[in-house]
N, C-alpha and C. Protein backbone atom coordinates (compact mmCIF):
# COMPACT_ATOMS: atom_id res chain seq x y z
N MET A 1 21.87 -53.53 -38.58
CA MET A 1 20.36 -53.74 -38.53
C MET A 1 19.96 -53.45 -39.61
N GLU A 2 18.55 -54.40 -39.70
CA GLU A 2 17.61 -54.63 -41.18
C GLU A 2 16.95 -53.35 -40.98
N PRO A 3 16.77 -52.99 -42.47
CA PRO A 3 15.85 -51.96 -42.98
C PRO A 3 14.86 -51.49 -42.27
N SER A 4 13.85 -52.76 -41.65
CA SER A 4 12.98 -52.21 -41.05
C SER A 4 13.08 -51.99 -39.40
N GLY A 5 13.99 -52.45 -38.99
CA GLY A 5 14.38 -52.30 -37.56
C GLY A 5 14.93 -50.48 -37.62
N ARG A 6 15.55 -50.07 -38.69
CA ARG A 6 16.09 -49.13 -38.65
C ARG A 6 14.74 -47.69 -38.94
N GLY A 7 13.95 -48.32 -39.88
CA GLY A 7 12.57 -47.57 -39.84
C GLY A 7 11.12 -46.94 -38.76
N ARG A 8 11.54 -48.65 -37.97
CA ARG A 8 10.85 -48.38 -36.57
C ARG A 8 11.89 -47.59 -35.66
N LEU A 9 13.09 -47.72 -35.73
CA LEU A 9 13.62 -46.80 -34.84
C LEU A 9 13.48 -44.93 -35.47
N LEU A 10 13.53 -44.78 -36.31
CA LEU A 10 13.13 -43.86 -36.77
C LEU A 10 11.80 -42.93 -36.56
N VAL A 11 10.68 -43.96 -36.63
CA VAL A 11 9.73 -43.55 -36.10
C VAL A 11 9.11 -43.15 -34.74
N LEU A 12 10.57 -44.22 -34.10
CA LEU A 12 9.92 -44.12 -32.36
C LEU A 12 10.64 -42.58 -32.35
N GLY A 13 11.82 -42.33 -32.76
CA GLY A 13 12.67 -41.39 -32.11
C GLY A 13 11.82 -39.83 -32.53
N LEU A 14 10.97 -39.81 -33.55
CA LEU A 14 9.93 -38.72 -34.42
C LEU A 14 9.17 -38.56 -33.34
N ILE A 15 8.81 -39.73 -32.98
CA ILE A 15 7.15 -39.80 -31.83
C ILE A 15 7.84 -38.82 -30.61
N ALA A 16 8.99 -38.85 -30.22
CA ALA A 16 9.78 -39.02 -28.94
C ALA A 16 9.94 -37.60 -28.95
N LEU A 17 10.35 -36.99 -30.13
CA LEU A 17 10.52 -35.37 -30.57
C LEU A 17 9.16 -35.01 -30.60
N ALA A 18 8.25 -35.45 -31.10
CA ALA A 18 7.18 -34.43 -31.02
C ALA A 18 6.59 -34.30 -29.76
N VAL A 19 6.32 -35.04 -28.80
CA VAL A 19 5.84 -35.57 -27.56
C VAL A 19 6.95 -34.20 -26.49
N VAL A 20 8.17 -34.32 -26.90
CA VAL A 20 9.23 -32.84 -26.36
C VAL A 20 8.40 -31.75 -26.77
N LEU A 21 8.60 -31.51 -28.17
CA LEU A 21 8.16 -29.75 -28.45
C LEU A 21 6.41 -29.74 -28.09
N ALA A 22 5.77 -30.69 -28.01
CA ALA A 22 4.42 -30.58 -27.19
C ALA A 22 4.36 -30.16 -26.07
N ALA A 23 5.47 -30.56 -25.48
CA ALA A 23 5.20 -30.40 -23.34
C ALA A 23 5.71 -29.13 -23.59
N PHE A 24 6.81 -28.43 -24.52
CA PHE A 24 7.21 -27.00 -24.30
C PHE A 24 6.28 -26.41 -24.82
N ALA A 25 5.91 -26.46 -25.97
CA ALA A 25 4.62 -25.30 -26.18
C ALA A 25 3.21 -25.35 -25.36
N THR A 26 3.35 -26.50 -24.54
CA THR A 26 2.22 -26.49 -23.58
C THR A 26 2.83 -25.73 -22.54
N VAL A 27 3.48 -26.12 -21.69
CA VAL A 27 4.43 -24.98 -21.11
C VAL A 27 5.02 -23.43 -21.48
N TYR A 28 5.03 -23.57 -22.14
CA TYR A 28 4.89 -21.73 -22.90
C TYR A 28 3.41 -21.59 -22.87
N ARG A 29 2.68 -21.73 -23.35
CA ARG A 29 1.24 -21.09 -23.31
C ARG A 29 0.86 -20.92 -22.23
N VAL A 30 1.09 -21.81 -21.19
CA VAL A 30 0.41 -21.90 -19.78
C VAL A 30 1.10 -20.33 -18.89
N ARG A 31 2.38 -20.44 -19.26
CA ARG A 31 3.26 -19.28 -18.85
C ARG A 31 2.92 -17.74 -19.53
N GLU A 32 2.63 -17.99 -20.89
CA GLU A 32 1.65 -16.94 -21.02
C GLU A 32 0.42 -16.15 -20.81
N GLN A 33 -0.18 -17.04 -20.24
CA GLN A 33 -1.63 -16.90 -20.60
C GLN A 33 -1.65 -16.68 -18.56
N ARG A 34 -0.44 -16.56 -17.80
CA ARG A 34 -0.54 -16.35 -16.34
C ARG A 34 -0.25 -14.78 -16.31
N PRO A 35 -1.07 -13.84 -15.53
CA PRO A 35 -0.79 -12.49 -15.53
C PRO A 35 0.54 -12.21 -15.12
N ALA A 36 0.45 -11.17 -15.88
CA ALA A 36 2.49 -10.48 -15.17
C ALA A 36 2.49 -10.22 -13.60
N ARG A 37 3.17 -10.02 -13.09
CA ARG A 37 3.39 -9.07 -11.86
C ARG A 37 3.42 -7.95 -12.36
N PRO A 38 2.81 -7.38 -11.54
CA PRO A 38 2.93 -5.47 -12.05
C PRO A 38 4.42 -4.86 -11.72
N ARG A 39 4.57 -4.06 -12.75
CA ARG A 39 5.65 -3.66 -12.45
C ARG A 39 5.67 -2.42 -11.65
N PHE A 40 7.06 -1.93 -11.06
CA PHE A 40 6.64 -0.68 -9.98
C PHE A 40 5.97 0.42 -10.96
N GLU A 41 6.18 0.56 -11.66
CA GLU A 41 5.36 1.41 -12.28
C GLU A 41 3.92 1.89 -12.40
N ASP A 42 3.68 -0.14 -12.50
CA ASP A 42 1.91 -0.15 -12.42
C ASP A 42 1.49 0.13 -11.35
N ARG A 43 1.75 -0.02 -9.80
CA ARG A 43 1.66 -0.12 -8.53
C ARG A 43 0.99 1.41 -8.41
N ALA A 44 -0.37 1.68 -7.48
CA ALA A 44 -0.79 3.10 -6.92
C ALA A 44 0.38 3.70 -6.56
N VAL A 45 0.28 5.12 -6.70
CA VAL A 45 1.26 6.06 -6.25
C VAL A 45 0.70 6.66 -5.52
N PRO A 46 1.23 6.62 -4.01
CA PRO A 46 0.67 7.55 -2.97
C PRO A 46 0.19 8.92 -3.61
N GLY A 47 -1.28 9.60 -3.12
CA GLY A 47 -1.43 11.14 -3.76
C GLY A 47 -1.97 10.97 -5.14
N GLU A 48 -1.79 9.70 -5.85
CA GLU A 48 -2.50 9.62 -7.17
C GLU A 48 -4.19 9.29 -7.06
N HIS A 49 -4.70 9.51 -8.00
CA HIS A 49 -5.87 9.51 -7.95
C HIS A 49 -6.69 9.93 -6.82
N GLY A 50 -6.65 10.88 -5.70
CA GLY A 50 -7.16 11.43 -5.01
C GLY A 50 -7.23 10.96 -3.53
N ARG A 51 -6.21 9.33 -3.76
CA ARG A 51 -5.40 8.70 -2.80
C ARG A 51 -4.77 9.17 -1.53
N VAL A 52 -4.68 9.14 -0.54
CA VAL A 52 -3.83 10.15 0.68
C VAL A 52 -3.73 9.09 1.62
N VAL A 53 -2.23 8.80 1.30
CA VAL A 53 -1.90 7.57 2.78
C VAL A 53 -1.64 8.88 3.98
N VAL A 54 -1.69 7.73 5.22
CA VAL A 54 -1.50 8.40 6.13
C VAL A 54 -1.31 7.74 7.32
N GLU A 55 -0.40 8.48 8.24
CA GLU A 55 -0.08 7.65 9.52
C GLU A 55 -0.32 8.19 10.48
N VAL A 56 -0.86 7.52 11.97
CA VAL A 56 -1.59 8.82 12.96
C VAL A 56 -0.65 7.88 14.09
N LEU A 57 -0.18 9.04 14.94
CA LEU A 57 0.30 8.76 15.81
C LEU A 57 0.22 9.58 17.31
N ASN A 58 0.09 9.13 17.89
CA ASN A 58 -0.68 9.19 19.54
C ASN A 58 -0.09 9.74 20.31
N ALA A 59 -0.16 11.17 19.99
CA ALA A 59 1.19 12.26 21.23
C ALA A 59 0.24 12.89 21.82
N SER A 60 -0.72 11.93 22.74
CA SER A 60 -1.35 12.80 24.01
C SER A 60 -1.51 11.27 24.81
N PRO A 61 -1.94 11.65 25.96
CA PRO A 61 -1.83 10.83 27.62
C PRO A 61 -3.40 9.44 27.20
N ALA A 62 -4.08 10.29 26.22
CA ALA A 62 -5.18 9.22 26.12
C ALA A 62 -5.14 7.57 25.27
N ALA A 63 -5.03 6.79 25.93
CA ALA A 63 -4.66 5.47 25.67
C ALA A 63 -5.61 5.14 24.22
N GLY A 64 -5.54 4.39 23.36
CA GLY A 64 -6.31 4.16 22.21
C GLY A 64 -6.78 5.16 21.38
N LEU A 65 -6.24 6.39 21.58
CA LEU A 65 -7.29 7.04 20.54
C LEU A 65 -6.23 7.27 19.38
N ALA A 66 -5.35 6.68 18.84
CA ALA A 66 -5.02 6.44 17.36
C ALA A 66 -5.50 5.48 16.84
N ARG A 67 -6.25 4.72 17.20
CA ARG A 67 -6.95 3.45 16.60
C ARG A 67 -8.50 4.21 16.66
N LEU A 68 -8.93 4.66 17.56
CA LEU A 68 -10.06 5.64 16.97
C LEU A 68 -10.25 6.01 15.98
N VAL A 69 -8.96 7.31 15.84
CA VAL A 69 -8.82 8.34 14.92
C VAL A 69 -8.54 7.76 13.77
N THR A 70 -7.97 6.48 13.50
CA THR A 70 -7.74 5.43 12.46
C THR A 70 -9.00 4.95 11.80
N ARG A 71 -9.61 4.46 12.64
CA ARG A 71 -11.24 4.39 12.14
C ARG A 71 -11.67 5.67 11.39
N ARG A 72 -11.81 6.54 12.09
CA ARG A 72 -12.68 7.62 11.75
C ARG A 72 -11.72 8.05 10.39
N LEU A 73 -10.65 7.97 9.84
CA LEU A 73 -9.98 8.68 9.14
C LEU A 73 -10.46 7.75 7.53
N ARG A 74 -10.25 6.71 8.09
CA ARG A 74 -10.88 4.83 7.41
C ARG A 74 -12.01 5.43 6.50
N ASP A 75 -13.12 5.73 7.64
CA ASP A 75 -14.40 6.21 7.14
C ASP A 75 -14.62 7.17 6.01
N ALA A 76 -13.59 8.05 6.45
CA ALA A 76 -14.01 9.19 5.80
C ALA A 76 -12.97 9.31 3.82
N GLY A 77 -12.90 7.82 3.97
CA GLY A 77 -12.10 7.19 2.73
C GLY A 77 -10.79 7.38 2.78
N LEU A 78 -9.74 7.53 3.70
CA LEU A 78 -8.62 8.18 3.75
C LEU A 78 -7.87 6.75 4.05
N ASP A 79 -6.42 6.84 3.47
CA ASP A 79 -5.62 5.15 3.96
C ASP A 79 -4.56 5.23 4.55
N VAL A 80 -5.26 4.94 5.61
CA VAL A 80 -4.25 4.49 6.86
C VAL A 80 -3.62 3.49 7.22
N VAL A 81 -2.20 3.81 6.67
CA VAL A 81 -1.09 2.83 6.73
C VAL A 81 -0.30 2.21 8.33
N TYR A 82 -0.76 3.20 8.98
CA TYR A 82 0.22 2.84 10.02
C TYR A 82 -0.53 3.82 11.53
N PHE A 83 -0.71 3.42 12.71
CA PHE A 83 -0.89 3.96 13.27
C PHE A 83 -0.05 3.36 14.58
N GLY A 84 -0.44 4.28 15.46
CA GLY A 84 0.94 3.95 16.96
C GLY A 84 1.39 5.07 17.65
N SER A 85 2.03 4.95 18.64
CA SER A 85 2.26 6.56 19.86
C SER A 85 3.41 7.14 19.16
N ASP A 86 3.29 8.50 19.73
CA ASP A 86 4.36 9.00 19.18
C ASP A 86 5.32 9.38 20.62
N THR A 87 6.70 8.77 20.38
CA THR A 87 7.48 9.38 21.37
C THR A 87 8.08 10.32 21.76
N LEU A 88 7.99 11.46 20.90
CA LEU A 88 8.70 12.60 20.86
C LEU A 88 8.23 13.81 22.26
N GLN A 89 6.94 14.15 22.33
CA GLN A 89 6.39 14.83 23.47
C GLN A 89 4.97 14.78 23.00
N THR A 90 4.63 14.82 24.42
CA THR A 90 2.98 14.99 24.48
C THR A 90 2.35 16.77 23.51
N LEU A 91 1.62 16.44 23.07
CA LEU A 91 1.20 17.49 22.72
C LEU A 91 -0.30 18.29 23.02
N ASP A 92 -0.51 19.48 23.37
CA ASP A 92 -1.96 20.06 23.28
C ASP A 92 -2.50 20.33 22.14
N SER A 93 -2.13 20.30 21.09
CA SER A 93 -2.49 20.74 19.95
C SER A 93 -2.12 19.96 18.67
N THR A 94 -3.32 18.92 18.02
CA THR A 94 -3.23 17.84 17.03
C THR A 94 -2.42 18.85 15.84
N GLN A 95 -1.29 18.26 14.96
CA GLN A 95 -0.80 18.89 13.99
C GLN A 95 -0.96 17.38 13.15
N VAL A 96 -1.47 18.62 11.82
CA VAL A 96 -1.82 17.62 10.52
C VAL A 96 -0.53 18.41 9.54
N LEU A 97 0.57 17.35 9.93
CA LEU A 97 1.90 17.31 8.58
C LEU A 97 1.76 16.59 7.55
N VAL A 98 2.23 17.75 6.46
CA VAL A 98 1.89 16.83 4.60
C VAL A 98 3.58 16.71 4.54
N ARG A 99 3.59 15.80 4.09
CA ARG A 99 5.26 15.15 4.14
C ARG A 99 5.46 15.25 2.88
N ARG A 100 4.29 14.79 2.14
CA ARG A 100 4.40 15.42 0.11
C ARG A 100 3.23 15.25 -0.47
N GLY A 101 3.50 15.78 -1.62
CA GLY A 101 2.12 16.20 -2.37
C GLY A 101 1.70 17.70 -1.81
N ALA A 102 0.69 17.79 -2.31
CA ALA A 102 -0.19 19.61 -2.01
C ALA A 102 -0.81 19.61 -0.58
N VAL A 103 -0.82 20.66 -0.11
CA VAL A 103 -1.54 20.91 1.08
C VAL A 103 -2.76 20.21 0.80
N ALA A 104 -3.53 20.59 -0.16
CA ALA A 104 -4.82 19.89 0.21
C ALA A 104 -5.35 18.52 1.16
N SER A 105 -4.20 17.67 0.78
CA SER A 105 -4.05 16.48 0.96
C SER A 105 -4.78 16.71 2.87
N GLY A 106 -3.52 17.52 3.44
CA GLY A 106 -3.44 18.13 4.52
C GLY A 106 -4.67 18.54 5.32
N GLU A 107 -5.35 19.42 4.51
CA GLU A 107 -6.96 20.08 4.60
C GLU A 107 -7.74 19.02 4.48
N ARG A 108 -7.64 17.56 3.67
CA ARG A 108 -8.61 16.53 3.70
C ARG A 108 -8.88 15.96 4.87
N VAL A 109 -7.86 15.68 5.44
CA VAL A 109 -7.66 14.71 6.66
C VAL A 109 -7.76 15.64 7.53
N ARG A 110 -7.27 17.04 8.05
CA ARG A 110 -8.11 18.10 8.87
C ARG A 110 -9.82 18.24 8.97
N SER A 111 -10.15 17.84 7.77
CA SER A 111 -11.77 18.17 7.71
C SER A 111 -12.20 16.38 8.62
N ALA A 112 -11.71 15.76 7.73
CA ALA A 112 -12.16 14.32 8.52
C ALA A 112 -12.01 14.26 9.68
N LEU A 113 -10.86 14.55 10.48
CA LEU A 113 -10.80 14.62 12.01
C LEU A 113 -11.52 15.73 12.30
N GLY A 114 -11.71 16.93 11.82
CA GLY A 114 -12.42 17.79 12.88
C GLY A 114 -11.84 18.62 13.70
N ALA A 115 -10.01 18.56 13.37
CA ALA A 115 -9.16 19.00 14.68
C ALA A 115 -7.91 19.38 13.83
N GLY A 116 -7.18 20.24 14.33
CA GLY A 116 -5.62 19.92 13.89
C GLY A 116 -5.23 21.60 13.10
N ARG A 117 -4.06 21.43 13.31
CA ARG A 117 -3.42 22.69 12.39
C ARG A 117 -2.58 21.67 11.04
N VAL A 118 -2.76 22.66 9.84
CA VAL A 118 -2.13 22.02 8.58
C VAL A 118 -1.07 22.56 8.80
N ARG A 119 0.05 21.82 8.62
CA ARG A 119 1.45 22.50 8.09
C ARG A 119 2.13 21.61 7.21
N SER A 120 3.12 22.35 6.16
CA SER A 120 3.95 21.57 5.37
C SER A 120 5.18 21.13 6.00
N ALA A 121 5.66 19.82 5.90
CA ALA A 121 6.51 19.60 6.74
C ALA A 121 7.58 18.47 6.44
N PRO A 122 7.62 18.81 4.86
CA PRO A 122 8.15 17.48 4.01
C PRO A 122 9.63 16.47 4.49
N ASP A 123 8.96 15.49 3.99
CA ASP A 123 10.31 14.32 4.62
C ASP A 123 10.10 13.26 4.25
N SER A 124 10.61 12.86 3.05
CA SER A 124 11.23 12.01 1.85
C SER A 124 11.38 10.47 2.87
N SER A 125 11.93 10.33 3.75
CA SER A 125 12.42 9.07 4.85
C SER A 125 10.65 8.71 5.00
N ARG A 126 9.52 9.14 5.18
CA ARG A 126 8.34 8.28 5.70
C ARG A 126 7.84 8.10 4.52
N LEU A 127 7.12 7.07 4.02
CA LEU A 127 6.51 6.60 3.18
C LEU A 127 5.09 6.79 3.07
N VAL A 128 4.46 8.37 3.63
CA VAL A 128 3.21 8.49 3.81
C VAL A 128 2.91 10.01 2.93
N ASP A 129 1.45 10.56 2.78
CA ASP A 129 1.61 11.85 2.47
C ASP A 129 1.22 12.48 3.21
N VAL A 130 0.65 12.23 4.63
CA VAL A 130 0.34 13.34 5.82
C VAL A 130 0.62 12.20 7.00
N THR A 131 1.47 12.81 8.00
CA THR A 131 1.54 12.11 9.43
C THR A 131 0.39 13.00 10.12
N VAL A 132 -0.41 12.51 11.29
CA VAL A 132 -1.01 13.08 12.30
C VAL A 132 -0.33 12.92 13.36
N ARG A 133 -0.33 13.72 14.23
CA ARG A 133 0.30 13.71 15.62
C ARG A 133 -0.71 14.36 16.38
N LEU A 134 -1.48 13.28 17.17
CA LEU A 134 -2.72 13.40 17.65
C LEU A 134 -2.49 14.45 19.47
N GLY A 135 -2.98 15.49 19.25
CA GLY A 135 -3.19 16.09 20.65
C GLY A 135 -4.06 15.68 21.86
N ARG A 136 -3.83 16.44 22.63
CA ARG A 136 -5.05 16.64 24.02
C ARG A 136 -6.40 16.97 23.22
N ASP A 137 -6.25 17.87 22.47
CA ASP A 137 -7.68 18.47 21.51
C ASP A 137 -8.46 17.47 21.33
N VAL A 138 -7.82 16.62 20.37
CA VAL A 138 -8.53 15.45 20.26
C VAL A 138 -9.02 14.21 20.96
N GLY A 139 -8.12 14.09 21.97
CA GLY A 139 -8.65 13.26 23.26
C GLY A 139 -10.01 14.24 23.53
N THR A 140 -10.22 15.20 23.61
CA THR A 140 -11.25 15.76 24.57
C THR A 140 -12.33 15.75 23.58
N LEU A 141 -12.22 16.07 22.09
CA LEU A 141 -13.05 16.08 21.11
C LEU A 141 -13.76 14.45 21.14
N LEU A 142 -13.19 13.90 20.94
CA LEU A 142 -13.87 12.31 20.89
C LEU A 142 -14.02 11.67 22.00
N LEU A 143 -13.19 11.71 22.89
CA LEU A 143 -13.51 11.03 24.21
C LEU A 143 -13.61 12.08 25.47
N GLY A 144 -14.34 13.21 25.21
CA GLY A 144 -15.01 14.24 26.35
C GLY A 144 -13.73 14.32 26.85
N PRO A 145 -14.00 15.28 28.40
CA PRO A 145 -13.22 15.91 29.09
C PRO A 145 -12.91 14.75 30.18
């Protein structure tokens, strides 16, 4: 190969190398600008900063009561993450069960609901601070006799 041909080949090789390096630099910059996924430690923890995570279970014969109470509690600033039926037994009196954290969170729920007895009932398998088991008393209070 002639000396001028080798020079052209060298220049083309350097240009190709520069293009590849520029592509890698661009990809690296784009990746660094993307916001990182929040680590587990960065996510909101139930009970933190006044947040109370609640589940509402209807243990009364009144249909739709859990949905009605969920709206009421959310309007009061509580974080209701689940509502549904309680299959254990029908209750006459509403129970506000504190699953984790301070009993004050249960009192906050009871105050927003306007009924119920608060008691501590720790249960680490439930991912909520408070479980509300609605009884007939709330049905009468909200829906009438």
